Protein backbone atom coordinates (compact mmCIF):
# COMPACT_ATOMS: atom_id res chain seq x y z
CA MET A 1 -134.30 87.77 58.56
CA MET A 2 -131.46 85.49 57.60
CA LYS A 3 -131.28 86.86 54.02
CA PHE A 4 -131.30 90.40 55.29
CA LEU A 5 -128.42 89.48 57.73
CA ILE A 6 -126.46 87.95 54.84
CA VAL A 7 -126.96 90.93 52.59
CA ILE A 8 -125.79 93.37 55.46
CA ILE A 9 -122.75 91.29 56.40
CA SER A 10 -121.73 91.08 52.66
CA VAL A 11 -121.97 94.92 52.22
CA PHE A 12 -119.94 95.48 55.46
CA LEU A 13 -117.44 92.91 54.35
CA VAL A 14 -116.78 94.74 51.09
CA LEU A 15 -116.55 98.09 52.95
CA GLU A 16 -114.00 96.60 55.46
CA LEU A 17 -111.88 95.01 52.77
CA SER A 18 -111.83 98.18 50.73
CA PHE A 19 -110.84 100.23 53.72
CA PHE A 20 -108.12 97.91 55.00
CA PHE A 21 -106.70 97.41 51.56
CA LEU A 22 -106.25 101.16 51.03
CA ALA A 23 -105.11 101.71 54.52
CA ILE A 24 -102.52 99.00 54.75
CA LYS A 25 -101.33 98.25 51.23
CA VAL A 26 -101.52 101.63 49.69
CA TYR A 27 -100.95 104.03 52.39
CA LYS A 28 -99.08 101.97 54.90
CA LEU A 29 -100.68 103.55 57.94
CA ASN A 30 -99.69 102.90 61.54
CA ALA A 31 -100.15 99.20 62.49
CA TYR A 32 -101.47 100.05 66.03
CA LEU A 33 -104.07 102.38 64.60
CA ILE A 34 -105.23 99.71 62.10
CA TRP A 35 -105.38 96.97 64.73
CA GLY A 36 -107.52 99.28 66.96
CA ILE A 37 -109.89 99.79 64.11
CA VAL A 38 -110.10 96.11 63.44
CA ILE A 39 -110.84 95.20 67.07
CA TYR A 40 -113.51 97.89 67.34
CA SER A 41 -115.16 96.86 64.00
CA LEU A 42 -115.17 93.21 65.00
CA LEU A 43 -116.75 93.91 68.33
CA SER A 44 -119.36 96.25 66.87
CA TYR A 45 -120.21 93.71 64.10
CA LEU A 46 -120.73 90.91 66.62
CA TYR A 47 -122.88 93.02 68.75
CA PHE A 48 -124.94 94.19 65.87
CA ILE A 49 -125.48 90.54 64.64
CA TYR A 50 -126.35 89.51 68.12
CA GLN A 51 -129.03 92.23 68.26
CA ILE A 52 -130.31 91.52 64.79
CA THR A 53 -130.66 87.83 65.40
CA GLY A 54 -132.33 88.25 68.65
CA TYR A 55 -134.79 90.89 67.40
CA ASP A 56 -138.32 90.19 68.58
CA ARG A 57 -140.97 91.74 66.29
CA SER A 58 -143.64 91.35 69.01
CA GLU A 59 -141.63 93.68 71.25
CA GLY A 60 -140.02 96.11 68.79
CA ALA A 61 -136.68 97.71 68.97
CA SER A 62 -134.99 97.98 72.38
CA HIS A 63 -132.44 100.57 73.68
CA SER A 64 -129.75 98.00 73.24
CA PHE A 65 -130.77 97.56 69.55
CA TYR A 66 -130.64 101.35 69.09
CA TRP A 67 -127.10 101.43 70.57
CA ALA A 68 -125.94 98.56 68.13
CA VAL A 69 -127.16 100.79 65.32
CA GLY A 70 -125.31 103.70 66.71
CA LEU A 71 -122.00 101.82 67.33
CA MET A 72 -122.25 100.69 63.70
CA VAL A 73 -122.85 104.26 62.50
CA VAL A 74 -119.80 105.32 64.46
CA GLN A 75 -117.59 103.14 62.34
CA VAL A 76 -119.29 102.84 58.91
CA VAL A 77 -119.82 106.61 58.15
CA PRO A 78 -116.26 107.68 58.84
CA LYS A 79 -114.93 104.64 56.77
CA LEU A 80 -117.07 105.53 53.76
CA ILE A 81 -115.66 109.12 53.84
CA ALA A 82 -112.16 107.87 54.24
CA ILE A 83 -112.62 105.33 51.42
CA ALA A 84 -113.90 107.99 49.05
CA MET A 85 -111.02 110.28 49.89
CA MET A 86 -108.49 107.41 49.60
CA LEU A 87 -109.90 106.36 46.25
CA MET A 88 -109.75 109.91 44.81
CA SER A 89 -106.14 110.38 46.07
CA TYR A 90 -105.17 106.90 44.72
CA LEU A 91 -106.45 107.81 41.30
CA LEU A 92 -104.63 111.15 41.42
CA MET A 93 -101.33 109.36 42.32
CA LEU A 94 -101.85 106.97 39.24
CA PHE A 95 -102.23 110.08 37.09
CA LEU A 96 -99.12 111.66 38.49
CA LYS A 97 -97.04 108.57 38.67
CA SER A 98 -95.31 108.98 35.29
CA ASN A 99 -94.18 112.54 36.08
CA VAL A 100 -92.74 112.21 39.55
CA SER A 101 -90.24 109.96 41.29
CA ALA A 102 -91.29 106.96 43.40
CA GLU A 103 -89.98 108.57 46.56
CA ILE A 104 -92.23 111.55 46.06
CA ILE A 105 -95.24 109.28 45.38
CA ALA A 106 -94.62 107.39 48.46
CA GLY A 107 -94.43 110.65 50.51
CA ARG A 108 -97.56 112.02 49.02
CA ARG A 109 -99.40 108.73 49.30
CA LYS A 110 -98.74 108.64 53.08
CA PHE A 111 -99.78 112.19 53.48
CA LEU A 112 -103.00 111.82 51.64
CA GLY A 113 -103.90 108.63 53.59
CA ARG A 114 -103.36 110.47 56.89
CA LEU A 115 -105.47 113.44 55.56
CA ALA A 116 -108.32 110.92 54.59
CA LEU A 117 -108.31 109.64 58.11
CA GLY A 118 -108.15 113.16 59.50
CA VAL A 119 -111.09 114.23 57.47
CA ALA A 120 -113.03 111.15 58.41
CA ALA A 121 -112.41 111.82 62.16
CA LEU A 122 -114.54 114.98 61.98
CA PRO A 123 -117.84 113.12 61.31
CA LEU A 124 -116.55 110.53 63.89
CA ALA A 125 -116.32 113.14 66.56
CA GLY A 126 -119.71 114.50 65.43
CA ILE A 127 -121.36 111.10 65.68
CA ILE A 128 -119.89 110.40 69.16
CA HIS A 129 -121.00 113.92 70.31
CA GLY A 130 -124.40 113.13 68.82
CA LEU A 131 -124.81 109.95 70.68
CA TRP A 132 -123.88 111.39 74.12
CA LYS A 133 -125.03 114.97 73.89
CA GLY A 134 -126.58 115.93 70.61
CA LYS A 135 -129.85 113.97 71.03
CA TYR A 136 -130.74 116.31 73.94
CA ASN A 137 -129.33 119.53 72.55
CA PHE A 138 -132.69 121.23 72.54
CA LYS A 139 -133.10 124.46 70.45
CA VAL A 140 -135.87 126.97 70.43
CA ILE A 141 -136.36 128.13 66.88
CA LYS A 142 -138.52 131.24 66.55
CA LYS A 143 -140.02 132.53 63.34
CA GLN A 144 -142.46 135.31 62.27
CA LEU A 145 -144.82 134.58 59.42
CA TYR A 146 -146.93 137.31 57.66
CA PHE A 147 -150.32 136.88 56.22
CA ASP A 148 -152.72 139.25 54.46
CA ASP A 149 -155.86 137.56 55.81
CA LEU A 150 -154.84 136.99 59.49
CA PRO A 151 -157.63 138.36 61.75
CA VAL A 152 -156.63 141.48 63.54
CA ALA A 153 -156.84 140.11 67.00
CA PHE A 154 -154.33 137.37 66.18
CA ASP A 155 -151.57 139.73 65.06
CA GLY A 156 -148.74 138.66 67.23
CA PHE A 157 -150.35 135.40 68.32
CA LYS A 158 -147.56 132.80 69.17
CA ILE A 159 -147.83 129.06 68.48
CA LEU A 160 -145.52 126.69 70.19
CA GLN A 161 -144.94 123.36 68.40
CA ILE A 162 -143.15 120.14 69.27
CA SER A 163 -143.29 116.84 67.34
CA ASP A 164 -142.16 113.33 67.38
CA LEU A 165 -141.54 112.60 71.03
CA HIS A 166 -140.68 108.95 70.45
CA SER A 167 -140.92 108.56 74.30
CA GLY A 168 -139.82 104.92 74.04
CA SER A 169 -136.40 106.11 73.14
CA PHE A 170 -135.84 108.48 76.09
CA ASP A 171 -132.99 107.52 78.46
CA ASN A 172 -132.34 110.57 80.51
CA ALA A 173 -135.02 112.01 82.72
CA ASP A 174 -132.99 115.10 83.66
CA LYS A 175 -132.76 116.17 80.01
CA ILE A 176 -136.50 115.58 79.34
CA ASN A 177 -137.35 117.68 82.38
CA TYR A 178 -134.97 120.47 81.14
CA ALA A 179 -136.82 120.43 77.70
CA VAL A 180 -140.18 120.66 79.54
CA ASP A 181 -138.89 123.67 81.52
CA LEU A 182 -137.60 125.12 78.32
CA ILE A 183 -141.15 124.89 76.80
CA ASN A 184 -142.57 126.40 79.88
CA LYS A 185 -140.29 129.45 79.62
CA GLN A 186 -141.59 130.41 76.12
CA GLU A 187 -144.18 133.08 75.88
CA ALA A 188 -146.60 131.42 73.54
CA ASP A 189 -150.42 131.45 73.44
CA LEU A 190 -151.04 128.05 71.98
CA PHE A 191 -149.37 124.60 72.30
CA LEU A 192 -149.42 122.05 69.39
CA PHE A 193 -147.98 118.59 69.21
CA THR A 194 -147.78 116.96 65.74
CA GLY A 195 -147.56 113.27 66.39
CA ASP A 196 -145.56 110.20 67.33
CA ILE A 197 -145.85 110.21 71.06
CA VAL A 198 -144.44 106.66 71.24
CA ASN A 199 -142.30 104.37 68.95
CA THR A 200 -145.01 101.66 68.95
CA LYS A 201 -146.66 100.83 72.27
CA ALA A 202 -148.74 103.03 74.68
CA GLU A 203 -146.68 101.71 77.71
CA GLU A 204 -143.53 103.53 76.46
CA PHE A 205 -145.02 106.80 77.50
CA HIS A 206 -146.24 105.72 80.96
CA PRO A 207 -142.92 106.71 82.75
CA TRP A 208 -143.26 110.14 81.28
CA ILE A 209 -146.77 111.11 81.99
CA THR A 210 -145.86 112.99 85.19
CA THR A 211 -143.09 114.83 83.46
CA PHE A 212 -145.35 116.11 80.52
CA ASN A 213 -148.00 116.95 83.05
CA ARG A 214 -145.57 119.71 84.22
CA LEU A 215 -146.25 121.55 80.88
CA LYS A 216 -147.86 124.89 81.79
CA GLU A 217 -151.41 125.91 80.77
CA PHE A 218 -151.45 127.69 77.62
CA SER A 219 -154.07 130.47 77.21
CA TYR A 220 -155.63 128.95 74.13
CA GLY A 221 -155.13 125.30 74.86
CA LYS A 222 -152.96 122.26 74.13
CA PHE A 223 -153.79 120.24 71.04
CA SER A 224 -152.28 117.21 69.22
CA VAL A 225 -152.58 114.81 66.31
CA LEU A 226 -151.36 111.26 65.60
CA GLY A 227 -148.28 110.31 63.79
CA ASN A 228 -147.37 107.02 61.84
CA HIS A 229 -145.78 105.37 64.79
CA ASP A 230 -148.96 105.89 66.86
CA TYR A 231 -150.81 103.10 64.98
CA GLY A 232 -148.71 100.26 66.34
CA GLU A 233 -147.82 99.04 62.72
CA TYR A 234 -144.23 98.21 63.30
CA VAL A 235 -144.47 95.26 65.45
CA THR A 236 -146.24 91.91 65.26
CA TRP A 237 -149.41 91.68 67.50
CA PRO A 238 -150.92 88.49 68.85
CA SER A 239 -154.37 89.58 67.54
CA GLY A 240 -156.15 92.40 65.84
CA LYS A 241 -157.86 93.25 69.08
CA ALA A 242 -154.51 93.63 70.84
CA LYS A 243 -153.38 96.06 68.22
CA GLN A 244 -156.60 98.00 68.35
CA ASP A 245 -156.47 98.16 72.27
CA ASN A 246 -152.94 99.56 71.90
CA PHE A 247 -154.12 102.12 69.56
CA GLU A 248 -156.92 103.19 71.82
CA ASN A 249 -154.53 103.34 74.74
CA ILE A 250 -152.20 105.61 72.73
CA LYS A 251 -155.06 108.03 71.99
CA GLY A 252 -155.89 107.98 75.63
CA LEU A 253 -152.28 109.06 76.52
CA HIS A 254 -153.06 112.48 75.05
CA LYS A 255 -155.97 113.08 77.44
CA GLN A 256 -153.76 112.03 80.37
CA VAL A 257 -151.38 114.96 79.70
CA ASP A 258 -154.13 117.44 78.77
CA PHE A 259 -153.80 117.28 75.04
CA ASP A 260 -156.93 117.76 73.02
CA LEU A 261 -156.38 114.93 70.28
CA LEU A 262 -157.74 116.01 66.91
CA CYS A 263 -158.56 112.98 64.66
CA ASN A 264 -159.75 114.40 61.39
CA GLU A 265 -161.67 117.33 63.27
CA ASN A 266 -161.27 121.00 63.95
CA ARG A 267 -161.57 123.53 66.73
CA SER A 268 -162.27 127.34 66.68
CA ILE A 269 -159.76 129.46 68.52
CA GLU A 270 -161.43 132.71 69.42
CA LYS A 271 -159.84 136.01 70.51
CA GLU A 272 -161.47 139.26 71.02
CA GLY A 273 -164.21 138.54 68.65
CA ASP A 274 -162.02 137.08 65.90
CA ARG A 275 -161.26 133.47 65.27
CA ILE A 276 -158.89 131.09 63.53
CA GLN A 277 -159.65 127.42 62.70
CA LEU A 278 -157.33 124.68 64.02
CA ILE A 279 -157.64 121.55 61.93
CA GLY A 280 -156.04 118.24 62.86
CA VAL A 281 -155.80 115.23 60.61
CA GLU A 282 -154.77 111.68 61.28
CA ASN A 283 -151.48 110.59 59.64
CA TRP A 284 -151.28 110.95 55.87
CA GLY A 285 -148.07 110.14 54.29
CA LYS A 286 -147.08 109.38 50.68
CA SER A 287 -145.24 106.26 51.78
CA PHE A 288 -147.06 105.70 55.13
CA LYS A 289 -150.50 105.24 56.48
CA LYS A 290 -153.10 107.39 54.88
CA ALA A 291 -155.76 107.81 57.58
CA GLY A 292 -155.86 111.64 57.21
CA ASP A 293 -159.11 113.03 55.83
CA LEU A 294 -159.00 116.80 55.04
CA SER A 295 -162.60 116.92 53.98
CA LYS A 296 -163.83 115.36 57.16
CA ALA A 297 -161.49 117.41 59.26
CA SER A 298 -162.62 120.67 57.62
CA ILE A 299 -166.41 120.26 58.16
CA GLY A 300 -167.80 123.56 59.14
CA VAL A 301 -164.75 125.48 58.00
CA SER A 302 -164.89 127.95 55.10
CA LYS A 303 -162.37 128.97 52.52
CA GLN A 304 -162.33 132.43 53.97
CA ASP A 305 -161.37 131.32 57.55
CA PHE A 306 -157.77 131.60 58.54
CA LYS A 307 -156.60 127.99 59.08
CA VAL A 308 -153.83 126.24 60.95
CA LEU A 309 -153.53 122.51 60.01
CA MET A 310 -151.74 119.90 61.94
CA SER A 311 -150.48 117.12 59.78
CA HIS A 312 -147.71 114.87 60.93
CA ASP A 313 -146.06 114.01 57.56
CA PRO A 314 -144.99 117.00 55.44
CA SER A 315 -145.53 114.94 52.21
CA HIS A 316 -149.28 115.52 52.94
CA TRP A 317 -148.63 119.27 52.26
CA GLU A 318 -146.75 118.57 49.11
CA TYR A 319 -149.29 116.15 47.55
CA GLU A 320 -152.61 117.43 49.04
CA VAL A 321 -152.50 120.58 50.84
CA LYS A 322 -150.31 123.39 49.25
CA GLU A 323 -152.69 123.80 46.22
CA HIS A 324 -155.97 122.80 47.96
CA PRO A 325 -158.83 125.19 47.08
CA MET A 326 -159.73 125.51 50.72
CA ASN A 327 -156.56 127.52 51.31
CA TYR A 328 -154.79 126.16 54.25
CA GLN A 329 -152.63 129.05 55.15
CA LEU A 330 -150.31 127.51 57.62
CA THR A 331 -149.44 123.74 58.16
CA LEU A 332 -147.40 122.23 60.99
CA SER A 333 -145.60 118.91 60.42
CA GLY A 334 -142.70 116.82 61.76
CA HIS A 335 -141.94 113.20 60.82
CA THR A 336 -138.59 113.59 59.09
CA HIS A 337 -136.47 114.42 62.20
CA GLY A 338 -134.08 115.86 59.61
CA LEU A 339 -132.77 112.25 59.50
CA GLN A 340 -131.06 113.36 62.79
CA PHE A 341 -128.02 113.84 60.70
CA GLY A 342 -126.92 116.79 58.56
CA ILE A 343 -125.33 120.26 58.53
CA GLU A 344 -126.98 123.46 59.36
CA ILE A 345 -125.60 126.95 59.38
CA PRO A 346 -128.67 129.12 60.12
CA GLY A 347 -129.57 131.32 57.31
CA ILE A 348 -126.72 130.17 55.08
CA PHE A 349 -126.58 126.39 54.51
CA LYS A 350 -128.79 123.41 55.27
CA TRP A 351 -128.21 119.78 54.10
CA SER A 352 -129.24 116.37 55.20
CA PRO A 353 -129.65 113.07 53.11
CA ILE A 354 -133.41 113.21 53.94
CA GLN A 355 -133.70 116.13 51.53
CA TYR A 356 -133.54 113.64 48.62
CA VAL A 357 -136.66 111.90 49.93
CA TYR A 358 -138.77 114.85 51.32
CA LYS A 359 -139.04 118.27 49.58
CA GLN A 360 -139.83 119.84 52.88
CA TRP A 361 -137.82 118.32 55.61
CA ALA A 362 -136.76 120.95 58.26
CA GLY A 363 -137.99 124.60 58.90
CA ILE A 364 -140.24 126.97 56.93
CA TYR A 365 -141.29 126.48 53.33
CA ALA A 366 -143.69 128.60 51.17
CA HIS A 367 -145.94 128.19 48.16
CA ALA A 368 -148.45 130.85 46.95
CA ASP A 369 -148.65 132.59 50.43
CA ARG A 370 -149.12 129.19 52.08
CA TYR A 371 -146.56 127.99 54.65
CA ILE A 372 -145.37 124.83 56.22
CA ASN A 373 -143.16 124.43 59.19
CA VAL A 374 -141.46 121.01 59.50
CA ASN A 375 -140.44 120.57 63.02
CA ARG A 376 -137.12 118.72 63.44
CA GLY A 377 -138.51 116.58 66.17
CA PHE A 378 -138.31 116.48 70.00
CA GLY A 379 -136.98 112.91 70.38
CA PHE A 380 -135.01 110.36 68.40
CA HIS A 381 -135.62 106.96 66.81
CA ALA A 382 -133.47 104.09 65.50
CA PHE A 383 -130.20 105.96 65.64
CA PRO A 384 -129.89 107.03 69.30
CA GLY A 385 -128.34 110.42 68.63
CA ARG A 386 -128.35 113.51 66.66
CA VAL A 387 -125.67 114.99 64.47
CA GLY A 388 -126.05 118.63 63.32
CA ILE A 389 -129.80 118.43 63.33
CA TRP A 390 -130.89 119.29 66.87
CA PRO A 391 -134.18 118.54 68.75
CA GLU A 392 -136.49 121.52 68.20
CA ILE A 393 -139.08 123.66 70.00
CA SER A 394 -140.70 125.83 67.34
CA VAL A 395 -142.21 129.21 68.28
CA ILE A 396 -144.10 130.78 65.25
CA GLU A 397 -145.45 134.27 65.63
CA LEU A 398 -148.37 135.11 63.34
CA LYS A 399 -148.33 138.64 61.93
CA ARG A 400 -150.48 140.63 59.62
CA LYS A 401 -148.77 141.90 56.44
CA SER A 402 -150.61 145.25 56.62
């Protein structure tokens, strides 16, 4: 822990020195502004160090730890953007220096410095909004998907999906109740939850059992699977038994809110003489726990059946599912949260740093008439906010191409 802390402090120190050198020596920005930034930086560093040094791996991350992360993000991200702009403008000034007067250089330098801070203020405003409002800015995203082999009776069948509750991070009961009401207003036939009901411990969900018991009855049921956080692998346990007891308690939470938890198993969903197969695997992630077993989960299912697969981590689709000979027509995942940070203009532009880690990270993706929907997540984790990537309730309508 101490080595990690030294590395973090060293990186931040380089960042601060770079920022203040450019801001004070090169651009001669307002002294009051600079001192305000200095004081905020110092306080946020001290709070972050306090949280890091007091971190208890037997308990996991607390709300105060998440807020320490949030306060660091508030100052670090805008500074990185400002430094990048300042460096580019500084290099430009060096290039132009031989062709213009010193007076013009000074004026342009001051203008570009202020422009850099102005541009950096945009993500700053977004991050502050994300900490206070964005994390509960629930959006209902509706999609229609067309299939050649969808049984006739299921033409127009609607699936509602949520993912990644991370209930240990919730800090506003009114907002969670609002989201439950929003789910209940949707005209969907089937409810599916694709994992991470908690951050680590079963007890995190206890205050929210009554809230999620308010979910309405869906005509064809409510089903769920496990996510990587549901195995209790991110804290230190006093014994293997304590860890296993927590895991069993987490599985029991699903029953307490009337979710039929599928652990490498399947269910038939029947309608008017037709059927589709709902398949649920345990977590399978390229860089995470690989407990998912497609073969076991698909016992009794044929290639000709229309299949809806619930698998928490979308890397499972990329590495095992999308070209599987069993032909899993639709997969539903979550896990990425869209990093809780990015830019989305629906139908035009979508970007998040998480796309450099996951090929499928938010929304619908297709391969050879097979689809995956990666839900952006219901809750939040680590960073206690969302910037540009809002919490999602997916409603997917199945349609026959013919």
